């Protein structure tokens, strides 16, 4: 069983979720819960930092798709940062760069949010 963890850091209006390990069908509930909590708290400016994510399955990608609409309807967005080449390739194959802003660094994503206050 591969480990998976989500940690969170709030900076002003922005919440950063750090994913590490393997995001697959078994571990998606943990990620879903983290996003649901943010929405409940009305924190809809979300950066998902994937620097420690080793693997993502289609189930993991489905979580992003499942929440993006609701978050955007509330005036927020999900931005992605620090993807490894391997993880980026999966996102890229499924056309995510057309739907999500993907940044090399978390700070770039924060700057982008701050531009659109």
PDB file of N, CA and C in Angstrom:
ATOM      1  N   UNK A   1       0.847  -1.193   0.000  1.00  0.00           N
ATOM      2  CA  UNK A   1       0.000   0.000   0.000  1.00  0.00           C
ATOM      3  C   UNK A   1       0.883   1.245   0.000  1.00  0.00           C
ATOM      4  N   UNK A   2       0.685   2.079  -0.979  1.00  0.00           N
ATOM      5  CA  UNK A   2       1.489   3.291  -1.063  1.00  0.00           C
ATOM      6  C   UNK A   2       0.851   4.393  -0.244  1.00  0.00           C
ATOM      7  N   UNK A   3       1.686   5.183   0.378  1.00  0.00           N
ATOM      8  CA  UNK A   3       1.180   6.250   1.223  1.00  0.00           C
ATOM      9  C   UNK A   3       0.705   7.440   0.411  1.00  0.00           C
ATOM     10  N   UNK A   4      -0.204   8.183   0.998  1.00  0.00           N
ATOM     11  CA  UNK A   4      -0.659   9.427   0.400  1.00  0.00           C
ATOM     12  C   UNK A   4      -0.966  10.385   1.529  1.00  0.00           C
ATOM     13  N   UNK A   5      -0.618  11.650   1.329  1.00  0.00           N
ATOM     14  CA  UNK A   5      -0.938  12.614   2.368  1.00  0.00           C
ATOM     15  C   UNK A   5      -1.301  13.957   1.748  1.00  0.00           C
ATOM     16  N   UNK A   6      -2.157  14.682   2.459  1.00  0.00           N
ATOM     17  CA  UNK A   6      -2.533  16.039   2.068  1.00  0.00           C
ATOM     18  C   UNK A   6      -2.251  16.932   3.252  1.00  0.00           C
ATOM     19  N   UNK A   7      -1.507  17.993   3.042  1.00  0.00           N
ATOM     20  CA  UNK A   7      -1.372  18.990   4.094  1.00  0.00           C
ATOM     21  C   UNK A   7      -1.793  20.340   3.509  1.00  0.00           C
ATOM     22  N   UNK A   8      -2.058  21.280   4.394  1.00  0.00           N
ATOM     23  CA  UNK A   8      -2.649  22.541   3.953  1.00  0.00           C
ATOM     24  C   UNK A   8      -1.971  23.714   4.611  1.00  0.00           C
ATOM     25  N   UNK A   9      -1.825  24.786   3.852  1.00  0.00           N
ATOM     26  CA  UNK A   9      -1.269  26.020   4.381  1.00  0.00           C
ATOM     27  C   UNK A   9      -2.079  27.180   3.820  1.00  0.00           C
ATOM     28  N   UNK A  10      -2.670  27.989   4.705  1.00  0.00           N
ATOM     29  CA  UNK A  10      -3.451  29.142   4.256  1.00  0.00           C
ATOM     30  C   UNK A  10      -2.603  30.402   4.336  1.00  0.00           C
ATOM     31  N   UNK A  11      -2.603  31.169   3.249  1.00  0.00           N
ATOM     32  CA  UNK A  11      -1.906  32.447   3.223  1.00  0.00           C
ATOM     33  C   UNK A  11      -2.892  33.485   2.705  1.00  0.00           C
ATOM     34  N   UNK A  12      -3.315  34.364   3.565  1.00  0.00           N
ATOM     35  CA  UNK A  12      -4.355  35.344   3.211  1.00  0.00           C
ATOM     36  C   UNK A  12      -5.564  34.618   2.635  1.00  0.00           C
ATOM     37  N   UNK A  13      -5.942  34.985   1.407  1.00  0.00           N
ATOM     38  CA  UNK A  13      -7.131  34.384   0.791  1.00  0.00           C
ATOM     39  C   UNK A  13      -6.838  33.043   0.114  1.00  0.00           C
ATOM     40  N   UNK A  14      -5.566  32.704   0.012  1.00  0.00           N
ATOM     41  CA  UNK A  14      -5.170  31.530  -0.770  1.00  0.00           C
ATOM     42  C   UNK A  14      -4.898  30.337   0.146  1.00  0.00           C
ATOM     43  N   UNK A  15      -5.396  29.186  -0.251  1.00  0.00           N
ATOM     44  CA  UNK A  15      -5.083  27.943   0.461  1.00  0.00           C
ATOM     45  C   UNK A  15      -4.246  27.060  -0.448  1.00  0.00           C
ATOM     46  N   UNK A  16      -3.162  26.554   0.096  1.00  0.00           N
ATOM     47  CA  UNK A  16      -2.295  25.655  -0.662  1.00  0.00           C
ATOM     48  C   UNK A  16      -2.442  24.249  -0.091  1.00  0.00           C
ATOM     49  N   UNK A  17      -2.751  23.305  -0.975  1.00  0.00           N
ATOM     50  CA  UNK A  17      -2.778  21.898  -0.579  1.00  0.00           C
ATOM     51  C   UNK A  17      -1.524  21.237  -1.124  1.00  0.00           C
ATOM     52  N   UNK A  18      -0.819  20.536  -0.257  1.00  0.00           N
ATOM     53  CA  UNK A  18       0.388  19.807  -0.657  1.00  0.00           C
ATOM     54  C   UNK A  18       0.038  18.332  -0.713  1.00  0.00           C
ATOM     55  N   UNK A  19       0.162  17.748  -1.891  1.00  0.00           N
ATOM     56  CA  UNK A  19      -0.124  16.322  -2.040  1.00  0.00           C
ATOM     57  C   UNK A  19       1.193  15.572  -2.104  1.00  0.00           C
ATOM     58  N   UNK A  20       1.257  14.449  -1.405  1.00  0.00           N
ATOM     59  CA  UNK A  20       2.478  13.643  -1.506  1.00  0.00           C
ATOM     60  C   UNK A  20       2.116  12.169  -1.611  1.00  0.00           C
ATOM     61  N   UNK A  21       2.973  11.442  -2.308  1.00  0.00           N
ATOM     62  CA  UNK A  21       2.784  10.002  -2.441  1.00  0.00           C
ATOM     63  C   UNK A  21       1.981   9.644  -3.676  1.00  0.00           C
ATOM     64  N   UNK A  22       1.044   8.720  -3.504  1.00  0.00           N
ATOM     65  CA  UNK A  22       0.271   8.156  -4.608  1.00  0.00           C
ATOM     66  C   UNK A  22      -1.197   8.556  -4.495  1.00  0.00           C
ATOM     67  N   UNK A  23      -1.699   9.271  -5.511  1.00  0.00           N
ATOM     68  CA  UNK A  23      -3.111   9.636  -5.534  1.00  0.00           C
ATOM     69  C   UNK A  23      -3.812   8.698  -6.511  1.00  0.00           C
ATOM     70  N   UNK A  24      -4.574   7.763  -5.941  1.00  0.00           N
ATOM     71  CA  UNK A  24      -5.280   6.791  -6.776  1.00  0.00           C
ATOM     72  C   UNK A  24      -6.671   6.546  -6.194  1.00  0.00           C
ATOM     73  N   UNK A  25      -7.359   5.548  -6.694  1.00  0.00           N
ATOM     74  CA  UNK A  25      -8.743   5.290  -6.253  1.00  0.00           C
ATOM     75  C   UNK A  25      -8.843   5.096  -4.739  1.00  0.00           C
ATOM     76  N   UNK A  26      -7.795   4.547  -4.128  1.00  0.00           N
ATOM     77  CA  UNK A  26      -7.836   4.286  -2.686  1.00  0.00           C
ATOM     78  C   UNK A  26      -7.632   5.545  -1.854  1.00  0.00           C
ATOM     79  N   UNK A  27      -6.903   6.504  -2.419  1.00  0.00           N
ATOM     80  CA  UNK A  27      -6.521   7.669  -1.620  1.00  0.00           C
ATOM     81  C   UNK A  27      -7.294   8.936  -1.995  1.00  0.00           C
ATOM     82  N   UNK A  28      -8.084   8.880  -3.076  1.00  0.00           N
ATOM     83  CA  UNK A  28      -8.816  10.096  -3.472  1.00  0.00           C
ATOM     84  C   UNK A  28      -9.752  10.627  -2.377  1.00  0.00           C
ATOM     85  N   UNK A  29     -10.398   9.780  -1.544  1.00  0.00           N
ATOM     86  CA  UNK A  29     -11.298  10.356  -0.532  1.00  0.00           C
ATOM     87  C   UNK A  29     -10.613  11.384   0.367  1.00  0.00           C
ATOM     88  N   UNK A  30      -9.345  11.163   0.660  1.00  0.00           N
ATOM     89  CA  UNK A  30      -8.596  12.088   1.509  1.00  0.00           C
ATOM     90  C   UNK A  30      -8.465  13.457   0.821  1.00  0.00           C
ATOM     91  N   UNK A  31      -8.181  13.420  -0.473  1.00  0.00           N
ATOM     92  CA  UNK A  31      -8.042  14.653  -1.263  1.00  0.00           C
ATOM     93  C   UNK A  31      -9.411  15.331  -1.413  1.00  0.00           C
ATOM     94  N   UNK A  32     -10.444  14.538  -1.682  1.00  0.00           N
ATOM     95  CA  UNK A  32     -11.803  15.088  -1.803  1.00  0.00           C
ATOM     96  C   UNK A  32     -12.209  15.795  -0.516  1.00  0.00           C
ATOM     97  N   UNK A  33     -11.903  15.153   0.601  1.00  0.00           N
ATOM     98  CA  UNK A  33     -12.261  15.729   1.895  1.00  0.00           C
ATOM     99  C   UNK A  33     -11.577  17.082   2.098  1.00  0.00           C
ATOM    100  N   UNK A  34     -10.304  17.160   1.714  1.00  0.00           N
ATOM    101  CA  UNK A  34      -9.556  18.421   1.859  1.00  0.00           C
ATOM    102  C   UNK A  34     -10.206  19.523   1.023  1.00  0.00           C
ATOM    103  N   UNK A  35     -10.629  19.184  -0.206  1.00  0.00           N
ATOM    104  CA  UNK A  35     -11.264  20.189  -1.065  1.00  0.00           C
ATOM    105  C   UNK A  35     -12.651  20.573  -0.541  1.00  0.00           C
ATOM    106  N   UNK A  36     -13.396  19.585  -0.064  1.00  0.00           N
ATOM    107  CA  UNK A  36     -14.727  19.870   0.499  1.00  0.00           C
ATOM    108  C   UNK A  36     -14.612  20.810   1.695  1.00  0.00           C
ATOM    109  N   UNK A  37     -13.612  20.578   2.518  1.00  0.00           N
ATOM    110  CA  UNK A  37     -13.393  21.423   3.689  1.00  0.00           C
ATOM    111  C   UNK A  37     -13.122  22.860   3.253  1.00  0.00           C
ATOM    112  N   UNK A  38     -12.283  23.033   2.240  1.00  0.00           N
ATOM    113  CA  UNK A  38     -11.988  24.385   1.751  1.00  0.00           C
ATOM    114  C   UNK A  38     -13.258  25.069   1.264  1.00  0.00           C
ATOM    115  N   UNK A  39     -14.069  24.350   0.502  1.00  0.00           N
ATOM    116  CA  UNK A  39     -15.306  24.929  -0.031  1.00  0.00           C
ATOM    117  C   UNK A  39     -16.239  25.316   1.111  1.00  0.00           C
ATOM    118  N   UNK A  40     -16.365  24.429   2.104  1.00  0.00           N
ATOM    119  CA  UNK A  40     -17.205  24.728   3.271  1.00  0.00           C
ATOM    120  C   UNK A  40     -16.748  26.003   3.964  1.00  0.00           C
ATOM    121  N   UNK A  41     -15.436  26.202   4.005  1.00  0.00           N
ATOM    122  CA  UNK A  41     -14.878  27.391   4.668  1.00  0.00           C
ATOM    123  C   UNK A  41     -14.859  28.585   3.725  1.00  0.00           C
ATOM    124  N   UNK A  42     -15.400  28.398   2.521  1.00  0.00           N
ATOM    125  CA  UNK A  42     -15.445  29.435   1.511  1.00  0.00           C
ATOM    126  C   UNK A  42     -14.047  29.894   1.100  1.00  0.00           C
ATOM    127  N   UNK A  43     -13.125  28.957   1.085  1.00  0.00           N
ATOM    128  CA  UNK A  43     -11.763  29.239   0.620  1.00  0.00           C
ATOM    129  C   UNK A  43     -11.642  28.623  -0.764  1.00  0.00           C
ATOM    130  N   UNK A  44     -11.841  29.462  -1.788  1.00  0.00           N
ATOM    131  CA  UNK A  44     -11.934  28.911  -3.142  1.00  0.00           C
ATOM    132  C   UNK A  44     -10.773  29.334  -4.042  1.00  0.00           C
ATOM    133  N   UNK A  45      -9.793  29.990  -3.454  1.00  0.00           N
ATOM    134  CA  UNK A  45      -8.552  30.255  -4.203  1.00  0.00           C
ATOM    135  C   UNK A  45      -7.572  29.179  -3.767  1.00  0.00           C
ATOM    136  N   UNK A  46      -7.442  28.163  -4.591  1.00  0.00           N
ATOM    137  CA  UNK A  46      -6.721  26.960  -4.190  1.00  0.00           C
ATOM    138  C   UNK A  46      -5.528  26.720  -5.106  1.00  0.00           C
ATOM    139  N   UNK A  47      -4.391  26.491  -4.489  1.00  0.00           N
ATOM    140  CA  UNK A  47      -3.213  26.036  -5.230  1.00  0.00           C
ATOM    141  C   UNK A  47      -2.936  24.615  -4.759  1.00  0.00           C
ATOM    142  N   UNK A  48      -2.782  23.708  -5.702  1.00  0.00           N
ATOM    143  CA  UNK A  48      -2.406  22.344  -5.347  1.00  0.00           C
ATOM    144  C   UNK A  48      -0.943  22.161  -5.756  1.00  0.00           C
ATOM    145  N   UNK A  49      -0.093  22.030  -4.747  1.00  0.00           N
ATOM    146  CA  UNK A  49       1.342  21.872  -4.970  1.00  0.00           C
ATOM    147  C   UNK A  49       1.644  20.376  -5.040  1.00  0.00           C
ATOM    148  N   UNK A  50       2.163  19.954  -6.181  1.00  0.00           N
ATOM    149  CA  UNK A  50       2.345  18.518  -6.425  1.00  0.00           C
ATOM    150  C   UNK A  50       3.813  18.091  -6.388  1.00  0.00           C
ATOM    151  N   UNK A  51       4.650  18.889  -5.721  1.00  0.00           N
ATOM    152  CA  UNK A  51       6.082  18.571  -5.784  1.00  0.00           C
ATOM    153  C   UNK A  51       6.419  17.194  -5.209  1.00  0.00           C
ATOM    154  N   UNK A  52       5.626  16.725  -4.240  1.00  0.00           N
ATOM    155  CA  UNK A  52       5.923  15.422  -3.636  1.00  0.00           C
ATOM    156  C   UNK A  52       4.973  14.323  -4.096  1.00  0.00           C
ATOM    157  N   UNK A  53       4.206  14.620  -5.150  1.00  0.00           N
ATOM    158  CA  UNK A  53       3.289  13.598  -5.658  1.00  0.00           C
ATOM    159  C   UNK A  53       4.053  12.698  -6.619  1.00  0.00           C
ATOM    160  N   UNK A  54       4.052  11.402  -6.323  1.00  0.00           N
ATOM    161  CA  UNK A  54       4.811  10.457  -7.156  1.00  0.00           C
ATOM    162  C   UNK A  54       3.968   9.876  -8.279  1.00  0.00           C
ATOM    163  N   UNK A  55       2.656   9.839  -8.057  1.00  0.00           N
ATOM    164  CA  UNK A  55       1.797   9.154  -9.022  1.00  0.00           C
ATOM    165  C   UNK A  55       0.379   9.695  -8.913  1.00  0.00           C
ATOM    166  N   UNK A  56      -0.298   9.821 -10.054  1.00  0.00           N
ATOM    167  CA  UNK A  56      -1.711  10.171 -10.038  1.00  0.00           C
ATOM    168  C   UNK A  56      -2.439   9.287 -11.037  1.00  0.00           C
ATOM    169  N   UNK A  57      -3.571   8.738 -10.624  1.00  0.00           N
ATOM    170  CA  UNK A  57      -4.359   7.883 -11.515  1.00  0.00           C
ATOM    171  C   UNK A  57      -5.526   8.696 -12.078  1.00  0.00           C
ATOM    172  N   UNK A  58      -6.296   8.078 -12.954  1.00  0.00           N
ATOM    173  CA  UNK A  58      -7.452   8.771 -13.517  1.00  0.00           C
ATOM    174  C   UNK A  58      -8.446   9.135 -12.411  1.00  0.00           C
ATOM    175  N   UNK A  59      -8.526   8.313 -11.368  1.00  0.00           N
ATOM    176  CA  UNK A  59      -9.405   8.640 -10.241  1.00  0.00           C
ATOM    177  C   UNK A  59      -8.952   9.931  -9.572  1.00  0.00           C
ATOM    178  N   UNK A  60      -7.648  10.083  -9.435  1.00  0.00           N
ATOM    179  CA  UNK A  60      -7.099  11.302  -8.844  1.00  0.00           C
ATOM    180  C   UNK A  60      -7.406  12.517  -9.703  1.00  0.00           C
ATOM    181  N   UNK A  61      -7.252  12.359 -11.016  1.00  0.00           N
ATOM    182  CA  UNK A  61      -7.564  13.455 -11.933  1.00  0.00           C
ATOM    183  C   UNK A  61      -9.047  13.792 -11.868  1.00  0.00           C
ATOM    184  N   UNK A  62      -9.866  12.776 -11.654  1.00  0.00           N
ATOM    185  CA  UNK A  62     -11.307  12.975 -11.563  1.00  0.00           C
ATOM    186  C   UNK A  62     -11.696  13.889 -10.412  1.00  0.00           C
ATOM    187  N   UNK A  63     -10.911  13.866  -9.339  1.00  0.00           N
ATOM    188  CA  UNK A  63     -11.204  14.734  -8.197  1.00  0.00           C
ATOM    189  C   UNK A  63     -11.078  16.199  -8.634  1.00  0.00           C
ATOM    190  N   UNK A  64     -10.018  16.501  -9.387  1.00  0.00           N
ATOM    191  CA  UNK A  64      -9.851  17.871  -9.877  1.00  0.00           C
ATOM    192  C   UNK A  64     -11.072  18.277 -10.715  1.00  0.00           C
ATOM    193  N   UNK A  65     -11.478  17.386 -11.601  1.00  0.00           N
ATOM    194  CA  UNK A  65     -12.605  17.677 -12.482  1.00  0.00           C
ATOM    195  C   UNK A  65     -13.899  17.819 -11.683  1.00  0.00           C
ATOM    196  N   UNK A  66     -14.013  17.030 -10.618  1.00  0.00           N
ATOM    197  CA  UNK A  66     -15.231  17.035  -9.821  1.00  0.00           C
ATOM    198  C   UNK A  66     -15.441  18.321  -9.034  1.00  0.00           C
ATOM    199  N   UNK A  67     -14.359  19.029  -8.748  1.00  0.00           N
ATOM    200  CA  UNK A  67     -14.467  20.204  -7.887  1.00  0.00           C
ATOM    201  C   UNK A  67     -14.279  21.531  -8.612  1.00  0.00           C
ATOM    202  N   UNK A  68     -13.664  21.491  -9.787  1.00  0.00           N
ATOM    203  CA  UNK A  68     -13.296  22.756 -10.434  1.00  0.00           C
ATOM    204  C   UNK A  68     -14.511  23.624 -10.747  1.00  0.00           C
ATOM    205  N   UNK A  69     -15.602  23.004 -11.183  1.00  0.00           N
ATOM    206  CA  UNK A  69     -16.777  23.791 -11.554  1.00  0.00           C
ATOM    207  C   UNK A  69     -17.346  24.546 -10.357  1.00  0.00           C
ATOM    208  N   UNK A  70     -17.525  23.803  -9.263  1.00  0.00           N
ATOM    209  CA  UNK A  70     -18.085  24.414  -8.057  1.00  0.00           C
ATOM    210  C   UNK A  70     -17.198  25.551  -7.555  1.00  0.00           C
ATOM    211  N   UNK A  71     -15.903  25.325  -7.571  1.00  0.00           N
ATOM    212  CA  UNK A  71     -14.963  26.343  -7.087  1.00  0.00           C
ATOM    213  C   UNK A  71     -14.996  27.572  -8.001  1.00  0.00           C
ATOM    214  N   UNK A  72     -15.067  27.343  -9.311  1.00  0.00           N
ATOM    215  CA  UNK A  72     -15.123  28.494 -10.228  1.00  0.00           C
ATOM    216  C   UNK A  72     -16.454  29.225 -10.131  1.00  0.00           C
ATOM    217  N   UNK A  73     -17.528  28.484  -9.893  1.00  0.00           N
ATOM    218  CA  UNK A  73     -18.834  29.136  -9.713  1.00  0.00           C
ATOM    219  C   UNK A  73     -18.816  30.067  -8.510  1.00  0.00           C
ATOM    220  N   UNK A  74     -18.011  29.737  -7.523  1.00  0.00           N
ATOM    221  CA  UNK A  74     -17.915  30.556  -6.316  1.00  0.00           C
ATOM    222  C   UNK A  74     -16.876  31.669  -6.474  1.00  0.00           C
ATOM    223  N   UNK A  75     -16.368  31.814  -7.672  1.00  0.00           N
ATOM    224  CA  UNK A  75     -15.417  32.894  -7.933  1.00  0.00           C
ATOM    225  C   UNK A  75     -13.970  32.540  -7.658  1.00  0.00           C
ATOM    226  N   UNK A  76     -13.696  31.262  -7.460  1.00  0.00           N
ATOM    227  CA  UNK A  76     -12.326  30.842  -7.180  1.00  0.00           C
ATOM    228  C   UNK A  76     -11.719  30.080  -8.349  1.00  0.00           C
ATOM    229  N   UNK A  77     -10.654  29.379  -8.068  1.00  0.00           N
ATOM    230  CA  UNK A  77      -9.988  28.576  -9.084  1.00  0.00           C
ATOM    231  C   UNK A  77      -9.064  27.584  -8.383  1.00  0.00           C
ATOM    232  N   UNK A  78      -8.693  26.557  -9.126  1.00  0.00           N
ATOM    233  CA  UNK A  78      -7.646  25.638  -8.672  1.00  0.00           C
ATOM    234  C   UNK A  78      -6.475  25.830  -9.626  1.00  0.00           C
ATOM    235  N   UNK A  79      -5.340  26.176  -9.079  1.00  0.00           N
ATOM    236  CA  UNK A  79      -4.118  26.281  -9.882  1.00  0.00           C
ATOM    237  C   UNK A  79      -3.164  25.191  -9.412  1.00  0.00           C
ATOM    238  N   UNK A  80      -2.371  24.702 -10.330  1.00  0.00           N
ATOM    239  CA  UNK A  80      -1.456  23.606 -10.016  1.00  0.00           C
ATOM    240  C   UNK A  80      -0.022  24.115 -10.070  1.00  0.00           C
ATOM    241  N   UNK A  81       0.815  23.598  -9.165  1.00  0.00           N
ATOM    242  CA  UNK A  81       2.219  23.998  -9.213  1.00  0.00           C
ATOM    243  C   UNK A  81       3.130  22.822  -8.897  1.00  0.00           C
ATOM    244  N   UNK A  82       4.388  22.984  -9.320  1.00  0.00           N
ATOM    245  CA  UNK A  82       5.482  22.073  -8.959  1.00  0.00           C
ATOM    246  C   UNK A  82       5.237  20.629  -9.387  1.00  0.00           C
ATOM    247  N   UNK A  83       4.713  20.428 -10.594  1.00  0.00           N
ATOM    248  CA  UNK A  83       4.496  19.057 -11.067  1.00  0.00           C
ATOM    249  C   UNK A  83       5.813  18.459 -11.527  1.00  0.00           C
ATOM    250  N   UNK A  84       6.037  17.217 -11.168  1.00  0.00           N
ATOM    251  CA  UNK A  84       7.198  16.519 -11.715  1.00  0.00           C
ATOM    252  C   UNK A  84       6.901  16.239 -13.188  1.00  0.00           C
ATOM    253  N   UNK A  85       7.938  16.022 -14.003  1.00  0.00           N
ATOM    254  CA  UNK A  85       7.682  15.733 -15.421  1.00  0.00           C
ATOM    255  C   UNK A  85       6.746  14.539 -15.614  1.00  0.00           C
ATOM    256  N   UNK A  86       6.899  13.535 -14.765  1.00  0.00           N
ATOM    257  CA  UNK A  86       6.076  12.331 -14.879  1.00  0.00           C
ATOM    258  C   UNK A  86       4.598  12.639 -14.623  1.00  0.00           C
ATOM    259  N   UNK A  87       4.342  13.408 -13.578  1.00  0.00           N
ATOM    260  CA  UNK A  87       2.964  13.767 -13.236  1.00  0.00           C
ATOM    261  C   UNK A  87       2.406  14.747 -14.271  1.00  0.00           C
ATOM    262  N   UNK A  88       3.229  15.677 -14.720  1.00  0.00           N
ATOM    263  CA  UNK A  88       2.766  16.629 -15.732  1.00  0.00           C
ATOM    264  C   UNK A  88       2.318  15.901 -16.998  1.00  0.00           C
ATOM    265  N   UNK A  89       3.061  14.868 -17.351  1.00  0.00           N
ATOM    266  CA  UNK A  89       2.747  14.114 -18.569  1.00  0.00           C
ATOM    267  C   UNK A  89       1.318  13.561 -18.525  1.00  0.00           C
ATOM    268  N   UNK A  90       0.914  13.063 -17.359  1.00  0.00           N
ATOM    269  CA  UNK A  90      -0.437  12.520 -17.200  1.00  0.00           C
ATOM    270  C   UNK A  90      -1.470  13.635 -17.380  1.00  0.00           C
ATOM    271  N   UNK A  91      -1.227  14.774 -16.725  1.00  0.00           N
ATOM    272  CA  UNK A  91      -2.137  15.917 -16.861  1.00  0.00           C
ATOM    273  C   UNK A  91      -2.198  16.372 -18.322  1.00  0.00           C
ATOM    274  N   UNK A  92      -1.028  16.397 -18.947  1.00  0.00           N
ATOM    275  CA  UNK A  92      -0.927  16.885 -20.316  1.00  0.00           C
ATOM    276  C   UNK A  92      -1.696  15.984 -21.281  1.00  0.00           C
ATOM    277  N   UNK A  93      -1.559  14.682 -21.104  1.00  0.00           N
ATOM    278  CA  UNK A  93      -2.246  13.719 -21.979  1.00  0.00           C
ATOM    279  C   UNK A  93      -3.760  13.915 -21.951  1.00  0.00           C
ATOM    280  N   UNK A  94      -4.282  14.329 -20.805  1.00  0.00           N
ATOM    281  CA  UNK A  94      -5.719  14.489 -20.653  1.00  0.00           C
ATOM    282  C   UNK A  94      -6.185  15.923 -20.880  1.00  0.00           C
ATOM    283  N   UNK A  95      -5.288  16.760 -21.406  1.00  0.00           N
ATOM    284  CA  UNK A  95      -5.683  18.113 -21.782  1.00  0.00           C
ATOM    285  C   UNK A  95      -5.841  19.089 -20.632  1.00  0.00           C
ATOM    286  N   UNK A  96      -5.285  18.748 -19.473  1.00  0.00           N
ATOM    287  CA  UNK A  96      -5.435  19.635 -18.320  1.00  0.00           C
ATOM    288  C   UNK A  96      -4.849  21.034 -18.520  1.00  0.00           C
ATOM    289  N   UNK A  97      -3.713  21.166 -19.242  1.00  0.00           N
ATOM    290  CA  UNK A  97      -3.165  22.521 -19.379  1.00  0.00           C
ATOM    291  C   UNK A  97      -4.142  23.502 -20.045  1.00  0.00           C
ATOM    292  N   UNK A  98      -5.120  22.998 -20.775  1.00  0.00           N
ATOM    293  CA  UNK A  98      -6.128  23.886 -21.376  1.00  0.00           C
ATOM    294  C   UNK A  98      -7.169  24.321 -20.342  1.00  0.00           C
ATOM    295  N   UNK A  99      -7.322  23.545 -19.277  1.00  0.00           N
ATOM    296  CA  UNK A  99      -8.369  23.799 -18.286  1.00  0.00           C
ATOM    297  C   UNK A  99      -7.842  24.445 -17.012  1.00  0.00           C
ATOM    298  N   UNK A 100      -6.611  24.174 -16.706  1.00  0.00           N
ATOM    299  CA  UNK A 100      -6.015  24.627 -15.449  1.00  0.00           C
ATOM    300  C   UNK A 100      -4.748  25.396 -15.739  1.00  0.00           C
ATOM    301  N   UNK A 101      -4.487  26.404 -14.914  1.00  0.00           N
ATOM    302  CA  UNK A 101      -3.198  27.082 -15.013  1.00  0.00           C
ATOM    303  C   UNK A 101      -2.185  26.257 -14.223  1.00  0.00           C
ATOM    304  N   UNK A 102      -1.092  25.942 -14.882  1.00  0.00           N
ATOM    305  CA  UNK A 102      -0.049  25.112 -14.265  1.00  0.00           C
ATOM    306  C   UNK A 102       1.231  25.943 -14.173  1.00  0.00           C
ATOM    307  N   UNK A 103       1.779  25.999 -12.982  1.00  0.00           N
ATOM    308  CA  UNK A 103       2.958  26.829 -12.736  1.00  0.00           C
ATOM    309  C   UNK A 103       4.122  25.975 -12.266  1.00  0.00           C
ATOM    310  N   UNK A 104       5.336  26.445 -12.590  1.00  0.00           N
ATOM    311  CA  UNK A 104       6.532  25.733 -12.128  1.00  0.00           C
ATOM    312  C   UNK A 104       6.695  25.891 -10.624  1.00  0.00           C
ATOM    313  N   UNK A 105       6.306  27.059 -10.115  1.00  0.00           N
ATOM    314  CA  UNK A 105       6.523  27.345  -8.700  1.00  0.00           C
ATOM    315  C   UNK A 105       5.239  27.849  -8.047  1.00  0.00           C
ATOM    316  N   UNK A 106       5.096  27.495  -6.794  1.00  0.00           N
ATOM    317  CA  UNK A 106       3.921  27.898  -6.016  1.00  0.00           C
ATOM    318  C   UNK A 106       3.781  29.423  -5.970  1.00  0.00           C
ATOM    319  N   UNK A 107       4.916  30.121  -5.844  1.00  0.00           N
ATOM    320  CA  UNK A 107       4.878  31.590  -5.766  1.00  0.00           C
ATOM    321  C   UNK A 107       4.269  32.211  -7.021  1.00  0.00           C
ATOM    322  N   UNK A 108       4.546  31.613  -8.179  1.00  0.00           N
ATOM    323  CA  UNK A 108       3.983  32.138  -9.427  1.00  0.00           C
ATOM    324  C   UNK A 108       2.460  32.029  -9.403  1.00  0.00           C
ATOM    325  N   UNK A 109       1.957  30.913  -8.893  1.00  0.00           N
ATOM    326  CA  UNK A 109       0.511  30.718  -8.811  1.00  0.00           C
ATOM    327  C   UNK A 109      -0.102  31.723  -7.835  1.00  0.00           C
ATOM    328  N   UNK A 110       0.591  31.967  -6.716  1.00  0.00           N
ATOM    329  CA  UNK A 110       0.103  32.955  -5.736  1.00  0.00           C
ATOM    330  C   UNK A 110       0.035  34.335  -6.375  1.00  0.00           C
ATOM    331  N   UNK A 111       1.090  34.688  -7.114  1.00  0.00           N
ATOM    332  CA  UNK A 111       1.134  35.992  -7.774  1.00  0.00           C
ATOM    333  C   UNK A 111      -0.049  36.135  -8.717  1.00  0.00           C
ATOM    334  N   UNK A 112      -0.349  35.074  -9.454  1.00  0.00           N
ATOM    335  CA  UNK A 112      -1.455  35.094 -10.405  1.00  0.00           C
ATOM    336  C   UNK A 112      -2.777  35.341  -9.691  1.00  0.00           C
ATOM    337  N   UNK A 113      -2.992  34.680  -8.563  1.00  0.00           N
ATOM    338  CA  UNK A 113      -4.211  34.899  -7.783  1.00  0.00           C
ATOM    339  C   UNK A 113      -4.281  36.352  -7.303  1.00  0.00           C
ATOM    340  N   UNK A 114      -3.155  36.867  -6.849  1.00  0.00           N
ATOM    341  CA  UNK A 114      -3.148  38.206  -6.282  1.00  0.00           C
ATOM    342  C   UNK A 114      -3.396  39.283  -7.337  1.00  0.00           C
ATOM    343  N   UNK A 115      -3.102  38.958  -8.588  1.00  0.00           N
ATOM    344  CA  UNK A 115      -3.368  39.890  -9.680  1.00  0.00           C
ATOM    345  C   UNK A 115      -4.870  40.011  -9.933  1.00  0.00           C
ATOM    346  N   UNK A 116      -5.619  38.950  -9.597  1.00  0.00           N
ATOM    347  CA  UNK A 116      -7.039  38.923  -9.953  1.00  0.00           C
ATOM    348  C   UNK A 116      -7.936  39.062  -8.727  1.00  0.00           C
ATOM    349  N   UNK A 117      -7.531  39.914  -7.799  1.00  0.00           N
ATOM    350  CA  UNK A 117      -8.320  40.103  -6.563  1.00  0.00           C
ATOM    351  C   UNK A 117      -9.686  40.674  -6.864  1.00  0.00           C
TER     352      UNK A 117
END
